Protein backbone atom coordinates (compact mmCIF):
# COMPACT_ATOMS: atom_id res chain seq x y z
CA MET A 1 0.07 0.32 0.01
CA GLN A 2 3.32 1.98 0.91
CA ALA A 3 4.47 1.62 -2.80
CA MET A 4 1.46 2.49 -4.22
CA ASN A 5 0.70 5.48 -2.03
CA THR A 6 4.52 7.24 -3.00
CA ALA A 7 4.26 6.26 -6.17
CA ALA A 8 0.73 8.00 -6.99
CA GLU A 9 2.24 10.54 -4.85
CA LEU A 10 5.27 10.47 -7.80
CA ILE A 11 2.71 11.08 -10.41
CA GLY A 12 1.31 14.06 -8.57
CA LEU A 13 4.89 15.92 -8.87
CA GLU A 14 5.33 15.57 -11.56
CA THR A 15 2.28 16.15 -12.73
CA ALA A 16 3.08 19.92 -10.73
CA MET A 17 6.60 20.24 -12.43
CA ARG A 18 4.64 20.65 -15.64
CA ASP A 19 3.00 22.94 -14.25
CA LEU A 20 4.91 24.60 -12.89
CA ALA A 21 6.88 24.79 -15.62
CA ARG A 22 3.90 25.79 -18.53
CA LEU A 23 3.97 29.47 -15.83
CA TYR A 24 7.65 29.87 -16.40
CA GLU A 25 7.18 30.00 -20.37
CA SER A 26 3.57 32.16 -19.27
CA ALA A 27 5.98 34.11 -17.19
CA LEU A 28 8.85 34.34 -20.05
CA LEU A 29 6.16 36.83 -21.58
CA PHE A 30 5.50 39.35 -20.17
CA ALA A 31 8.70 41.62 -20.03
CA GLN A 32 8.37 42.09 -16.06
CA LEU A 33 8.91 39.08 -15.10
CA GLN A 34 10.95 37.60 -18.25
CA GLY A 35 14.08 38.63 -15.63
CA ARG A 36 12.86 37.78 -12.93
CA ALA A 37 11.55 33.96 -13.58
CA GLU A 38 15.45 32.74 -15.54
CA SER A 39 16.94 34.26 -12.41
CA ALA A 40 15.13 32.87 -10.05
CA LEU A 41 11.92 30.61 -11.53
CA LEU A 42 14.13 28.46 -13.26
CA PRO A 43 17.00 26.95 -10.92
CA ARG A 44 14.19 26.69 -8.79
CA MET A 45 13.10 24.69 -10.98
CA GLY A 46 15.98 22.97 -11.65
CA ALA A 47 17.64 22.65 -8.16
CA LEU A 48 14.25 20.73 -7.17
CA GLY A 49 14.14 18.96 -10.37
CA GLN A 50 18.02 17.38 -9.82
CA LEU A 51 17.41 17.45 -5.84
CA LEU A 52 14.42 14.77 -6.37
CA ARG A 53 16.63 12.37 -9.35
CA ARG A 54 19.20 12.48 -6.59
CA HIS A 55 16.94 10.74 -3.92
CA LEU A 56 15.04 8.31 -6.37
CA HIS A 57 18.53 7.24 -7.75
CA ALA A 58 20.16 6.75 -4.19
CA ASN A 59 16.76 4.82 -3.51
CA ASP A 60 15.91 6.70 -0.27
CA LEU A 61 12.61 9.24 -0.83
CA GLY A 62 10.50 8.34 1.25
CA PRO A 63 7.49 10.51 2.33
CA ASN A 64 9.12 13.77 4.39
CA GLU A 65 11.01 13.81 0.72
CA ILE A 66 8.07 13.63 -1.55
CA ARG A 67 6.64 16.18 1.12
CA ALA A 68 8.92 18.80 1.10
CA ALA A 69 8.80 18.96 -2.62
CA ALA A 70 5.09 19.19 -2.64
CA VAL A 71 5.11 21.94 -0.15
CA GLU A 72 7.82 23.72 -2.34
CA LEU A 73 5.86 23.24 -5.89
CA HIS A 74 2.78 24.35 -4.21
CA GLU A 75 4.66 27.71 -2.98
CA LEU A 76 5.49 28.56 -6.74
CA THR A 77 3.05 27.75 -8.65
CA ARG A 78 1.15 30.07 -6.54
CA HIS A 79 3.79 32.67 -6.14
CA TRP A 80 4.19 32.69 -10.14
CA HIS A 81 -0.01 32.37 -11.06
CA ASP A 82 -0.44 35.64 -8.69
CA ALA A 83 2.71 37.46 -10.09
CA ILE A 84 0.99 35.77 -13.44
CA ASP A 85 -2.69 37.07 -13.05
CA GLU A 86 -1.63 40.27 -10.92
CA LEU A 87 -0.53 42.07 -15.11
CA ARG A 88 -4.31 41.64 -15.61
CA THR A 89 -5.03 45.12 -12.83
CA SER A 90 -1.41 46.69 -14.01
CA SER A 91 -1.69 50.14 -15.63
CA LEU A 92 0.44 49.38 -18.04
CA PHE A 93 -1.92 46.63 -19.09
CA LEU A 94 -5.03 48.36 -18.84
CA ALA A 95 -2.98 51.04 -20.74
CA ALA A 96 -2.28 48.54 -23.91
CA THR A 97 -6.22 47.12 -23.22
CA THR A 98 -7.72 50.60 -23.89
CA ALA A 99 -5.45 50.93 -27.08
CA PHE A 100 -6.88 48.29 -28.50
CA ALA A 101 -10.40 49.20 -27.82
CA HIS A 102 -10.38 51.80 -29.59
CA ASP A 103 -7.93 51.10 -32.75
CA ASP A 104 -5.11 53.47 -30.98
CA GLN A 105 -2.45 52.16 -33.21
CA PRO A 106 0.37 55.00 -31.48
CA ALA A 107 -0.34 53.82 -27.88
CA LEU A 108 -0.67 50.55 -29.12
CA ALA A 109 3.15 50.92 -30.57
CA GLU A 110 4.19 52.29 -27.27
CA THR A 111 2.28 50.12 -24.47
CA LEU A 112 2.53 46.35 -26.47
CA PRO A 113 6.50 46.40 -26.78
CA ARG A 114 7.13 47.04 -22.78
CA LEU A 115 4.17 44.47 -22.11
CA PHE A 116 5.07 41.07 -24.21
CA SER A 117 8.96 40.43 -23.51
CA GLY A 118 10.92 40.31 -27.23
CA LEU A 119 7.45 41.90 -28.73
CA THR A 120 9.35 44.91 -31.66
CA LEU A 121 7.82 47.07 -33.56
CA THR A 122 8.83 46.22 -37.15
CA THR A 123 9.82 49.78 -38.87
CA PRO A 124 9.46 50.59 -41.49
CA PRO A 125 6.15 48.62 -42.32
CA PRO A 126 5.61 46.84 -44.39
CA ALA A 127 3.83 48.18 -47.16
CA LEU A 128 2.27 44.17 -48.23
CA LEU A 129 1.62 41.70 -45.94
CA TYR A 130 -0.32 37.95 -46.80
CA TYR A 131 -2.99 36.21 -44.77
CA ALA A 132 -3.97 32.33 -45.10
CA VAL A 133 -7.22 31.72 -45.91
CA SER A 134 -8.76 28.62 -44.03
CA LEU A 135 -9.80 26.01 -45.73
CA ALA A 136 -11.13 23.81 -42.97
CA ALA A 137 -14.67 22.91 -42.25
CA PRO A 138 -14.12 21.44 -38.62
CA HIS A 139 -17.22 19.98 -38.19
CA ARG A 140 -17.36 18.24 -40.95
CA ARG A 141 -16.32 15.18 -40.49
CA GLN A 142 -18.22 12.59 -42.75
CA PRO A 143 -17.88 11.77 -46.23
CA PRO A 144 -19.06 13.45 -49.04
CA GLN A 145 -18.78 16.88 -47.40
CA GLY A 146 -14.83 16.34 -47.06
CA PRO A 147 -12.93 18.34 -44.34
CA PHE A 148 -12.66 21.59 -46.47
CA LEU A 149 -15.06 24.71 -47.36
CA THR A 150 -16.39 24.19 -50.32
CA ALA A 151 -15.43 26.86 -52.88
CA ALA A 152 -18.35 28.52 -52.68
CA GLU A 153 -18.16 29.23 -49.33
CA VAL A 154 -14.48 30.24 -49.08
CA ALA A 155 -15.86 32.79 -51.75
CA ASP A 156 -17.57 33.98 -49.34
CA LYS A 157 -15.68 33.96 -46.25
CA ILE A 158 -13.05 36.38 -48.83
CA CYS A 159 -15.67 38.64 -49.54
CA ALA A 160 -16.80 39.03 -46.39
CA TYR A 161 -12.99 39.39 -45.21
CA ALA A 162 -14.20 42.99 -46.75
CA ASP A 163 -15.36 44.18 -43.64
CA GLY A 164 -12.37 43.49 -41.65
CA ILE A 165 -10.82 40.77 -40.96
CA PRO A 166 -11.35 40.33 -37.20
CA ALA A 167 -8.05 39.39 -34.79
CA GLN A 168 -7.67 35.83 -33.64
CA THR A 169 -7.32 34.38 -30.01
CA GLY A 170 -4.50 32.09 -30.78
CA SER A 171 -3.51 30.11 -27.74
CA GLY A 172 -7.18 31.11 -25.73
CA SER A 173 -5.19 32.90 -22.83
CA TRP A 174 -6.30 35.02 -21.22
CA TRP A 175 -4.28 38.11 -22.07
CA GLU A 176 -4.06 36.78 -26.07
CA VAL A 177 -8.12 37.14 -25.21
CA ALA A 178 -7.72 40.85 -24.43
CA LEU A 179 -5.30 41.43 -26.35
CA PRO A 180 -5.61 39.18 -30.06
CA PHE A 181 -3.71 39.93 -33.03
CA LEU A 182 -3.64 39.46 -37.13
CA THR A 183 -1.72 36.32 -37.81
CA LEU A 184 0.75 37.59 -40.89
CA VAL A 185 3.39 36.95 -43.61
CA ASP A 186 5.58 38.31 -46.10
CA GLU A 187 5.44 35.73 -49.04
CA PRO A 188 2.09 33.18 -49.26
CA ALA A 189 4.32 29.96 -49.24
CA ALA A 190 4.95 31.05 -45.72
CA GLY A 191 1.23 30.60 -44.80
CA ASP A 192 -0.49 27.36 -43.75
CA SER A 193 -3.39 27.42 -46.66
CA PRO A 194 -2.73 27.86 -50.45
CA VAL A 195 -5.73 31.06 -50.43
CA THR A 196 -4.07 33.59 -49.09
CA LEU A 197 -5.06 37.48 -48.44
CA ALA A 198 -2.33 39.96 -50.31
CA LEU A 199 -3.42 42.54 -47.81
CA ASP A 200 -2.18 46.62 -49.47
CA LEU A 201 -0.78 48.40 -46.01
CA ILE A 202 -0.05 51.74 -47.60
CA THR A 203 -3.84 53.34 -48.00
CA GLN A 204 -4.99 51.53 -44.53
CA PRO A 205 -1.59 51.91 -41.76
CA ARG A 206 -0.82 49.79 -39.50
CA GLN A 207 1.40 49.01 -36.64
CA VAL A 208 3.10 46.17 -37.05
CA PHE A 209 5.02 43.48 -34.35
CA GLN A 210 7.05 40.84 -34.86
CA ALA A 211 8.66 38.34 -31.59
CA ALA A 212 11.62 36.75 -30.50
CA GLY A 213 12.01 34.01 -33.08
CA GLU A 214 8.94 33.77 -35.41
CA ILE A 215 8.65 34.78 -39.39
CA ALA A 216 5.67 35.73 -38.95
CA PHE A 217 3.87 38.92 -38.79
CA ARG A 218 1.35 40.39 -35.83
CA ILE A 219 -1.06 43.37 -36.16
CA TYR A 220 -2.96 44.67 -33.49
CA THR A 221 -5.98 45.37 -33.98
CA PRO A 222 -9.80 44.82 -33.59
CA ARG A 223 -10.37 44.09 -37.74
CA LEU A 224 -8.28 44.88 -39.84
CA ILE A 225 -9.69 46.97 -42.69
CA ALA A 226 -7.60 46.76 -45.51
CA PRO A 227 -7.64 46.21 -49.56
CA PHE A 228 -6.77 42.92 -50.70
CA SER A 229 -5.74 41.08 -53.63
CA VAL A 230 -6.49 36.65 -52.86
CA VAL A 231 -3.62 34.46 -54.04
CA LEU A 232 -3.86 30.80 -54.64
CA VAL A 233 -1.45 28.15 -54.97
CA ARG A 234 -0.48 26.74 -58.10
CA ASP A 235 0.36 23.14 -55.85
CA PRO A 236 0.36 23.74 -52.45
CA GLU A 237 1.95 20.30 -51.86
CA ASP A 238 -0.29 19.05 -49.35
CA GLU A 239 -1.74 15.25 -49.61
CA TRP A 240 -4.78 16.01 -47.62
CA TRP A 241 -6.44 16.81 -50.24
CA GLU A 242 -5.67 13.59 -51.87
CA ALA A 243 -6.56 11.53 -48.58
CA ALA A 244 -10.08 13.25 -49.29
CA GLY A 245 -10.73 12.09 -52.16
CA GLN A 246 -10.62 16.05 -53.61
CA SER A 247 -9.52 17.58 -55.64
CA TYR A 248 -7.56 20.82 -54.99
CA ALA A 249 -7.10 21.86 -59.16
CA ALA A 250 -10.97 21.02 -59.19
CA PHE A 251 -11.56 23.41 -56.24
CA ARG A 252 -9.04 27.46 -57.73
CA LEU A 253 -11.17 27.02 -60.95
CA MET A 254 -14.38 27.66 -58.90
CA LEU A 255 -12.66 29.60 -56.70
CA ARG A 256 -11.22 31.48 -58.96
CA ASP A 257 -13.97 31.81 -61.08
CA ARG A 258 -16.25 32.61 -58.03
CA LEU A 259 -14.04 35.55 -56.72
CA HIS A 260 -13.78 37.34 -60.50
CA ALA A 261 -17.41 37.25 -60.81
CA ARG A 262 -17.19 39.47 -57.34
CA GLY A 263 -14.25 41.75 -59.04
CA ILE A 264 -11.51 40.38 -56.85
CA THR A 265 -8.58 40.02 -58.21
CA VAL A 266 -6.89 37.26 -58.51
CA ARG A 267 -3.53 35.68 -59.32
CA ASP A 268 -2.11 32.07 -59.53
CA VAL A 269 1.59 31.97 -57.82
């Protein structure tokens, strides 16, 4: 029975360590917490993990050691959860969310790089960026509909973007829900869809950001309204179309015809 309890406690410790590691990753996203997380939390996590491994190798990991580790993990988790959560009411975060709500692009340029670590303003901003149009039909799992939207549905979707492309919340974390953004790329091939919108950012200037380690660009705005044309990849090299028994070539031709009929410029790459 004691061995079973010890095994269950060890599984609980592993789960707690994973939860703390996720908090560490979240803390790294914020400029106010990044340095402290790297200098205080990371070494403590490493030391605690090393101590537990040493006890395991020596076969002397008993209830007292497990309890002490659990207490420390609990305290670390509570402290860093609170530290991240406190940012919700910080003056900087509130200033950023207010700027976002009013689509105040200069204010976003001033606040966001101070809020998020590694987020930089791209200067000068690109004149042209590409937005990948999702073709997935997530609620269609059975034939004959298949996993993709039809050409007619994609044409309707693209036409609706004339009224603006809404920002996406990404991971669903509270900061991305409050400050969603559009992910854009600088060439059609870099997107994750064979259908992209080429957005003219000259006539509708927006602040363009880039996060450290990412090739994509971000625009923080509730809804991006900009002139666009449509770019269709001739050969997407996507095995999902073949696996679904659908012809991308036929889809592309039908979509091109429907977009032309609605006066939307289309080009192939």
